[in-house]
Amino acid sequence: MRFQTPLVSAVLIRRYKRFLADIRLEDGREVTAHCANPGSMMGLAEPGLKIWVEPNDDPKKKLKYGWRLVEHADGHFTGVDTSLPNRALRAALEAGDIPELATYGTVRPEQKYGTKSRIDFLLQHTGLPDAYVEVKSVTLSRTTGLAEFPDSVTARGAKHLGELAEMARIGHRAVLFYLIQRTDCAEMTLAADIDPTYAAAFANARSAGVEVLAYGTRITPKAVTLGTRVPVK
């Protein structure tokens, strides 16, 4: 998925109220950017970080920049926009680029299911059980090379796991898809110390037959695309 507008680099001054970030552009101007990430962004919101933002000229948008990437000192990138994984994954699903899910011909995003919930993708094909695919954006890493989820307590995430488990119990395919928005991680695990309730719900979901997939991403200031599958510890 290519960014609609070329990104520009900036320096993070501070992130606050979850969805706002004050930044300094290359020309010295200080502006407020939209931060499309409701999580804690642990390790990704330190003042002074080099970041990449996407300008816009939409008159309906009050904020003229959207925060998309963090560029780490070692040259690796982390994507901080939690809406990007769904867009990148949709493109990959429609292109048949995910071997585990490539046999499905129909990709339906944002379908109602469960208790007042929506599944990220419902995959369908004649002769196959429906596949319910829930996508989670992974940005936390506290150990070199190891991605973790979640980065904060997520009651919503635990609820989704319960609903996926129910889909599996009644005969559908249920898939939890972790998209790792970091270029410096080769495997993934759960951050059970951050949210033990989520970790317990994850174990119950796997016991019920929920499949777990984790894929990395290729990230540059030009695009975010699906990478290769990585193991879940």
Protein backbone atom coordinates (compact mmCIF):
# COMPACT_ATOMS: atom_id res chain seq x y z
CA MET A 1 0.00 0.00 0.00
CA ARG A 2 1.56 3.25 -1.19
CA PHE A 3 1.01 6.46 0.73
CA GLN A 4 -1.33 8.77 -1.15
CA THR A 5 0.92 11.79 -0.56
CA PRO A 6 4.73 11.71 -0.24
CA LEU A 7 5.75 11.67 3.41
CA VAL A 8 7.94 14.36 4.93
CA SER A 9 10.28 13.95 7.88
CA ALA A 10 9.84 15.72 11.19
CA VAL A 11 10.88 15.58 14.85
CA LEU A 12 8.41 14.58 17.54
CA ILE A 13 7.94 17.20 20.24
CA ARG A 14 5.22 15.41 22.21
CA ARG A 15 2.24 13.12 21.83
CA TYR A 16 -0.84 13.87 23.93
CA LYS A 17 -4.59 13.17 24.22
CA ARG A 18 -3.83 9.91 22.36
CA PHE A 19 -4.64 11.34 18.93
CA LEU A 20 -2.53 14.50 18.84
CA ALA A 21 1.19 15.08 18.35
CA ASP A 22 3.14 18.30 18.23
CA ILE A 23 5.95 18.05 15.68
CA ARG A 24 8.73 20.15 14.18
CA LEU A 25 9.01 20.10 10.39
CA GLU A 26 12.29 20.35 8.49
CA ASP A 27 11.71 24.06 7.85
CA GLY A 28 11.43 24.70 11.59
CA ARG A 29 7.66 25.14 11.76
CA GLU A 30 5.91 23.55 14.72
CA VAL A 31 2.49 22.07 13.92
CA THR A 32 0.03 19.57 15.38
CA ALA A 33 -0.40 16.25 13.57
CA HIS A 34 -3.09 13.60 13.86
CA CYS A 35 -1.93 10.39 15.54
CA ALA A 36 -4.09 7.48 14.36
CA ASN A 37 -3.17 5.16 17.22
CA PRO A 38 -5.25 4.70 20.40
CA GLY A 39 -2.65 2.46 22.08
CA SER A 40 0.08 3.38 24.53
CA MET A 41 2.73 3.53 21.77
CA MET A 42 5.26 2.32 24.30
CA GLY A 43 8.77 3.20 23.10
CA LEU A 44 7.44 5.10 20.07
CA ALA A 45 6.43 8.46 21.51
CA GLU A 46 9.64 9.78 23.03
CA PRO A 47 10.36 13.47 22.34
CA GLY A 48 13.12 13.92 19.79
CA LEU A 49 12.32 10.87 17.67
CA LYS A 50 12.58 11.19 13.91
CA ILE A 51 9.16 10.58 12.43
CA TRP A 52 7.48 10.72 9.03
CA VAL A 53 4.17 12.47 8.46
CA GLU A 54 1.74 12.65 5.55
CA PRO A 55 0.57 16.12 4.47
CA ASN A 56 -2.97 16.71 3.24
CA ASP A 57 -4.83 19.63 1.70
CA ASP A 58 -8.33 18.39 2.56
CA PRO A 59 -10.35 21.46 3.65
CA LYS A 60 -12.53 19.19 5.81
CA LYS A 61 -9.55 18.15 7.96
CA LYS A 62 -8.49 20.49 10.72
CA LEU A 63 -5.05 18.89 11.05
CA LYS A 64 -2.92 19.06 7.91
CA TYR A 65 -0.49 16.28 8.81
CA GLY A 66 -0.93 12.64 9.79
CA TRP A 67 1.78 10.77 11.69
CA ARG A 68 2.63 7.55 9.83
CA LEU A 69 6.12 6.25 10.76
CA VAL A 70 8.88 6.29 13.34
CA GLU A 71 12.42 6.00 11.96
CA HIS A 72 14.73 4.44 14.53
CA ALA A 73 18.39 5.33 14.97
CA ASP A 74 19.44 2.05 13.32
CA GLY A 75 17.45 2.83 10.18
CA HIS A 76 14.52 0.51 10.91
CA PHE A 77 10.93 1.74 10.69
CA THR A 78 7.78 1.26 12.76
CA GLY A 79 4.35 2.12 11.39
CA VAL A 80 2.18 3.87 13.96
CA ASP A 81 -1.05 4.31 11.98
CA THR A 82 -3.36 1.49 13.10
CA SER A 83 -5.53 1.86 10.00
CA LEU A 84 -2.71 0.88 7.66
CA PRO A 85 -2.65 -2.88 8.43
CA ASN A 86 -6.23 -3.36 7.24
CA ARG A 87 -5.54 -1.54 3.99
CA ALA A 88 -2.30 -3.43 3.38
CA LEU A 89 -3.90 -6.76 4.27
CA ARG A 90 -6.91 -6.16 2.06
CA ALA A 91 -4.63 -5.62 -0.93
CA ALA A 92 -2.72 -8.80 -0.10
CA LEU A 93 -5.92 -10.85 0.35
CA GLU A 94 -7.40 -9.66 -2.92
CA ALA A 95 -4.13 -10.45 -4.72
CA GLY A 96 -3.95 -13.95 -3.17
CA ASP A 97 -0.59 -13.15 -1.58
CA ILE A 98 -1.27 -14.95 1.71
CA PRO A 99 -0.87 -18.69 1.07
CA GLU A 100 -2.94 -19.73 4.11
CA LEU A 101 -5.92 -17.73 2.82
CA ALA A 102 -5.35 -17.70 -0.94
CA THR A 103 -8.17 -20.14 -1.81
CA TYR A 104 -10.92 -17.63 -1.04
CA GLY A 105 -12.31 -15.68 -3.97
CA THR A 106 -14.44 -13.14 -2.12
CA VAL A 107 -13.07 -10.62 0.39
CA ARG A 108 -15.69 -8.70 2.38
CA PRO A 109 -14.35 -6.05 4.79
CA GLU A 110 -16.13 -4.85 7.94
CA GLN A 111 -18.89 -7.44 8.20
CA LYS A 112 -21.23 -7.62 11.21
CA TYR A 113 -20.91 -10.68 13.45
CA GLY A 114 -20.88 -11.67 17.10
CA THR A 115 -22.37 -9.26 19.64
CA LYS A 116 -22.51 -5.80 18.07
CA SER A 117 -19.11 -6.38 16.46
CA ARG A 118 -17.61 -6.26 12.99
CA ILE A 119 -15.03 -8.67 11.66
CA ASP A 120 -12.21 -7.04 9.71
CA PHE A 121 -12.55 -9.47 6.81
CA LEU A 122 -15.03 -12.19 5.92
CA LEU A 123 -13.60 -14.52 3.27
CA GLN A 124 -15.91 -16.71 1.24
CA HIS A 125 -15.64 -19.29 -1.52
CA THR A 126 -17.98 -21.98 -2.81
CA GLY A 127 -17.37 -25.29 -1.07
CA LEU A 128 -15.27 -23.78 1.75
CA PRO A 129 -16.26 -22.74 5.26
CA ASP A 130 -16.41 -18.99 5.73
CA ALA A 131 -13.21 -17.52 7.19
CA TYR A 132 -13.48 -14.75 9.78
CA VAL A 133 -10.23 -12.77 9.91
CA GLU A 134 -9.48 -10.31 12.74
CA VAL A 135 -6.44 -8.06 12.21
CA LYS A 136 -4.24 -6.64 14.96
CA SER A 137 -1.49 -4.06 14.49
CA VAL A 138 1.69 -4.95 16.39
CA THR A 139 4.13 -2.14 17.19
CA LEU A 140 5.64 -3.00 20.58
CA SER A 141 9.15 -4.44 20.96
CA ARG A 142 10.97 -4.57 24.31
CA THR A 143 13.50 -7.25 23.29
CA THR A 144 15.67 -7.05 20.18
CA GLY A 145 14.01 -8.85 17.28
CA LEU A 146 10.84 -9.75 19.22
CA ALA A 147 7.47 -8.06 18.61
CA GLU A 148 4.79 -8.12 21.31
CA PHE A 149 1.05 -7.59 21.55
CA PRO A 150 -0.72 -5.77 23.12
CA ASP A 151 1.03 -2.59 24.24
CA SER A 152 -1.75 -1.76 26.72
CA VAL A 153 -4.78 -3.43 28.30
CA THR A 154 -7.34 -4.20 25.59
CA ALA A 155 -10.76 -5.35 26.72
CA ARG A 156 -11.92 -4.97 23.12
CA GLY A 157 -9.19 -7.35 21.96
CA ALA A 158 -10.25 -9.98 24.52
CA LYS A 159 -13.87 -9.61 23.36
CA HIS A 160 -12.81 -10.21 19.76
CA LEU A 161 -10.98 -13.38 20.79
CA GLY A 162 -14.13 -14.71 22.44
CA GLU A 163 -16.18 -14.02 19.33
CA LEU A 164 -13.61 -15.67 17.07
CA ALA A 165 -13.64 -18.71 19.34
CA GLU A 166 -17.41 -18.95 18.93
CA MET A 167 -17.09 -18.82 15.13
CA ALA A 168 -14.61 -21.70 15.29
CA ARG A 169 -16.90 -23.74 17.56
CA ILE A 170 -19.80 -23.55 15.11
CA GLY A 171 -17.69 -24.72 12.18
CA HIS A 172 -16.26 -21.62 10.51
CA ARG A 173 -12.60 -20.79 10.08
CA ALA A 174 -11.53 -18.14 12.56
CA VAL A 175 -8.18 -16.43 12.03
CA LEU A 176 -6.36 -13.97 14.25
CA PHE A 177 -3.94 -12.11 11.99
CA TYR A 178 -1.13 -10.14 13.64
CA LEU A 179 0.49 -7.66 11.27
CA ILE A 180 3.84 -6.57 12.68
CA GLN A 181 4.42 -2.95 11.73
CA ARG A 182 8.13 -3.08 12.50
CA THR A 183 11.07 -3.91 10.24
CA ASP A 184 13.31 -5.00 13.14
CA CYS A 185 11.37 -8.06 14.41
CA ALA A 186 11.57 -11.65 13.19
CA GLU A 187 9.22 -13.29 15.70
CA MET A 188 6.32 -12.41 17.97
CA THR A 189 4.93 -13.19 21.40
CA LEU A 190 2.16 -12.03 23.72
CA ALA A 191 2.83 -9.31 26.30
CA ALA A 192 1.08 -11.28 29.04
CA ASP A 193 2.54 -9.04 31.75
CA ILE A 194 0.76 -6.04 30.22
CA ASP A 195 -2.62 -7.73 29.79
CA PRO A 196 -2.97 -11.18 31.41
CA THR A 197 -6.69 -11.23 30.60
CA TYR A 198 -5.93 -10.94 26.90
CA ALA A 199 -3.31 -13.70 27.17
CA ALA A 200 -5.88 -16.00 28.83
CA ALA A 201 -8.45 -15.22 26.14
CA PHE A 202 -5.81 -15.98 23.49
CA ALA A 203 -5.15 -19.42 25.03
CA ASN A 204 -8.88 -20.17 25.16
CA ALA A 205 -9.34 -19.09 21.55
CA ARG A 206 -6.55 -21.34 20.32
CA SER A 207 -8.05 -24.25 22.25
CA ALA A 208 -11.35 -23.57 20.48
CA GLY A 209 -9.68 -23.81 17.07
CA VAL A 210 -8.82 -20.20 16.26
CA GLU A 211 -5.87 -20.05 13.86
CA VAL A 212 -3.06 -17.59 14.48
CA LEU A 213 -1.00 -15.98 11.73
CA ALA A 214 1.70 -13.34 12.12
CA TYR A 215 3.30 -11.53 9.20
CA GLY A 216 5.95 -8.88 9.04
CA THR A 217 5.89 -5.80 6.84
CA ARG A 218 8.21 -3.97 4.50
CA ILE A 219 8.12 -0.30 5.43
CA THR A 220 9.62 2.73 3.72
CA PRO A 221 8.51 6.37 3.57
CA LYS A 222 6.90 5.44 0.25
CA ALA A 223 4.83 2.38 1.13
CA VAL A 224 3.88 -0.34 3.59
CA THR A 225 3.57 -3.83 2.10
CA LEU A 226 3.12 -7.32 3.43
CA GLY A 227 6.28 -9.20 4.31
CA THR A 228 6.78 -12.86 5.22
CA ARG A 229 5.23 -15.02 7.91
CA VAL A 230 6.97 -15.00 11.28
CA PRO A 231 6.67 -17.49 14.17
CA VAL A 232 4.54 -16.79 17.24
CA LYS A 233 6.29 -17.92 20.41
